[in-house]
């Protein structure tokens, strides 16, 4: 019987495979992914404030906002109560008294006084200016307008 010739030139030795370049590539890939994932912090891009445990302290008492409505005839209402119906009264003494009490109550409560002035296009401009002057006289600057 004829012996078959093998392609292995060294029949007594087992074939070996050098895996050191494979390990080098694996470590380089590992280092690359570690470096790139630590550089891109997507959580830091969002400016979120997460809730945490806060120390319990007393919150300031919030005062309600005061609504001043000016009708087309020049009548001034404070929280739906008529204060001044004479459009020629430029001093608005009753409104000044209420604004003074409201500013004092807001200061005692430790909150900011909020005034909402409700007036339409038919309101005389001077009446609107008189109301704003009364607010400024009593040191109230947080005023918003509505129609």
Protein backbone atom coordinates (compact mmCIF):
# COMPACT_ATOMS: atom_id res chain seq x y z
CA UNK A 1 0.00 0.00 0.00
CA UNK A 2 1.25 3.35 -0.87
CA UNK A 3 1.67 5.87 1.78
CA UNK A 4 -0.07 9.15 1.29
CA UNK A 5 2.14 12.17 1.37
CA UNK A 6 1.03 14.87 3.78
CA UNK A 7 1.49 18.57 3.23
CA UNK A 8 3.01 19.02 6.70
CA UNK A 9 6.78 19.32 6.29
CA UNK A 10 7.28 18.57 9.99
CA UNK A 11 5.19 15.51 10.73
CA UNK A 12 6.33 15.17 14.33
CA UNK A 13 5.48 18.73 15.48
CA UNK A 14 2.00 20.13 16.16
CA UNK A 15 1.13 23.37 14.40
CA UNK A 16 1.25 26.52 16.60
CA UNK A 17 -0.54 29.79 16.18
CA UNK A 18 0.97 33.08 17.38
CA UNK A 19 -1.85 35.04 19.05
CA UNK A 20 0.17 37.92 20.51
CA UNK A 21 -0.86 40.33 17.68
CA UNK A 22 -4.49 39.36 18.29
CA UNK A 23 -4.15 40.20 22.01
CA UNK A 24 -2.48 43.51 21.12
CA UNK A 25 -5.38 44.46 18.86
CA UNK A 26 -7.90 43.44 21.51
CA UNK A 27 -6.21 45.62 24.14
CA UNK A 28 -5.97 48.57 21.73
CA UNK A 29 -9.70 48.29 20.97
CA UNK A 30 -10.47 48.04 24.68
CA UNK A 31 -8.43 51.17 25.45
CA UNK A 32 -10.03 53.02 22.53
CA UNK A 33 -13.59 52.31 23.72
CA UNK A 34 -12.78 53.14 27.33
CA UNK A 35 -11.29 56.50 26.35
CA UNK A 36 -14.07 57.47 23.96
CA UNK A 37 -16.89 56.56 26.33
CA UNK A 38 -15.45 58.58 29.19
CA UNK A 39 -15.03 61.66 26.98
CA UNK A 40 -18.63 61.88 25.81
CA UNK A 41 -20.73 62.52 28.90
CA UNK A 42 -24.19 63.09 27.52
CA UNK A 43 -25.67 63.45 30.99
CA UNK A 44 -23.57 66.56 31.53
CA UNK A 45 -25.02 68.19 28.40
CA UNK A 46 -28.48 68.35 29.95
CA UNK A 47 -28.83 71.01 32.59
CA UNK A 48 -31.22 69.12 34.82
CA UNK A 49 -31.51 69.55 38.52
CA UNK A 50 -32.55 66.28 40.00
CA UNK A 51 -34.67 66.36 43.13
CA UNK A 52 -32.94 65.45 46.30
CA UNK A 53 -33.52 65.51 49.98
CA UNK A 54 -33.82 69.06 51.19
CA UNK A 55 -33.74 70.32 54.70
CA UNK A 56 -37.17 71.21 55.95
CA UNK A 57 -37.66 74.89 56.45
CA UNK A 58 -40.70 77.05 56.59
CA UNK A 59 -41.81 78.47 53.30
CA UNK A 60 -42.96 82.10 53.15
CA UNK A 61 -46.65 82.73 53.24
CA UNK A 62 -47.80 83.76 49.79
CA UNK A 63 -50.11 86.75 49.63
CA UNK A 64 -52.81 86.81 47.00
CA UNK A 65 -52.44 89.16 44.12
CA UNK A 66 -54.42 92.36 44.15
CA UNK A 67 -56.56 93.00 41.09
CA UNK A 68 -57.24 96.64 40.25
CA UNK A 69 -59.87 97.08 37.55
CA UNK A 70 -60.48 100.39 35.85
CA UNK A 71 -63.79 100.74 34.04
CA UNK A 72 -64.38 102.81 30.93
CA UNK A 73 -65.98 105.58 32.99
CA UNK A 74 -62.94 105.86 35.25
CA UNK A 75 -64.25 103.91 38.25
CA UNK A 76 -61.52 102.03 40.08
CA UNK A 77 -62.27 98.62 41.63
CA UNK A 78 -59.97 96.73 43.99
CA UNK A 79 -60.78 93.02 44.05
CA UNK A 80 -64.26 93.87 42.69
CA UNK A 81 -64.95 96.49 45.40
CA UNK A 82 -65.44 100.06 44.11
CA UNK A 83 -62.79 102.39 45.51
CA UNK A 84 -63.15 105.60 43.54
CA UNK A 85 -65.90 106.55 41.14
CA UNK A 86 -64.94 110.18 40.55
CA UNK A 87 -62.73 110.31 37.44
CA UNK A 88 -61.47 113.78 38.43
CA UNK A 89 -60.10 112.53 41.79
CA UNK A 90 -56.41 112.26 41.01
CA UNK A 91 -55.26 111.41 44.55
CA UNK A 92 -57.13 108.07 44.90
CA UNK A 93 -56.88 108.16 48.69
CA UNK A 94 -58.86 104.97 49.30
CA UNK A 95 -56.74 103.09 46.73
CA UNK A 96 -53.58 104.42 48.40
CA UNK A 97 -54.77 103.17 51.80
CA UNK A 98 -55.50 99.71 50.42
CA UNK A 99 -52.21 99.53 48.57
CA UNK A 100 -50.35 100.59 51.71
CA UNK A 101 -52.05 97.84 53.76
CA UNK A 102 -51.40 95.31 51.01
CA UNK A 103 -47.70 96.23 50.76
CA UNK A 104 -47.36 95.96 54.55
CA UNK A 105 -49.08 92.57 54.59
CA UNK A 106 -46.82 91.28 51.83
CA UNK A 107 -43.73 92.57 53.64
CA UNK A 108 -44.85 90.91 56.90
CA UNK A 109 -45.44 87.63 55.08
CA UNK A 110 -42.04 87.82 53.41
CA UNK A 111 -43.46 87.54 49.91
CA UNK A 112 -43.53 89.87 46.94
CA UNK A 113 -46.65 91.94 46.36
CA UNK A 114 -48.24 91.33 42.96
CA UNK A 115 -50.62 93.81 41.34
CA UNK A 116 -52.73 93.06 38.27
CA UNK A 117 -54.20 96.13 36.55
CA UNK A 118 -57.20 95.24 34.41
CA UNK A 119 -58.11 97.98 31.94
CA UNK A 120 -59.39 98.12 28.41
CA UNK A 121 -58.88 100.50 25.50
CA UNK A 122 -61.78 102.71 26.57
CA UNK A 123 -60.14 103.60 29.91
CA UNK A 124 -58.94 107.20 30.15
CA UNK A 125 -55.15 107.31 30.04
CA UNK A 126 -54.92 109.71 32.96
CA UNK A 127 -56.87 107.30 35.18
CA UNK A 128 -54.44 104.51 34.31
CA UNK A 129 -51.50 106.81 35.11
CA UNK A 130 -53.11 107.72 38.45
CA UNK A 131 -53.35 104.04 39.41
CA UNK A 132 -49.73 103.44 38.43
CA UNK A 133 -48.67 106.48 40.45
CA UNK A 134 -50.53 105.12 43.48
CA UNK A 135 -48.69 101.81 43.10
CA UNK A 136 -45.34 103.57 42.78
CA UNK A 137 -46.07 105.75 45.82
CA UNK A 138 -46.52 102.63 47.95
CA UNK A 139 -43.39 100.96 46.60
CA UNK A 140 -45.17 98.32 44.53
CA UNK A 141 -43.27 97.54 41.35
CA UNK A 142 -44.45 94.04 40.42
CA UNK A 143 -47.35 95.10 38.19
CA UNK A 144 -48.85 93.19 35.31
CA UNK A 145 -51.46 94.40 32.84
CA UNK A 146 -54.45 92.59 31.45
CA UNK A 147 -57.47 93.44 29.33
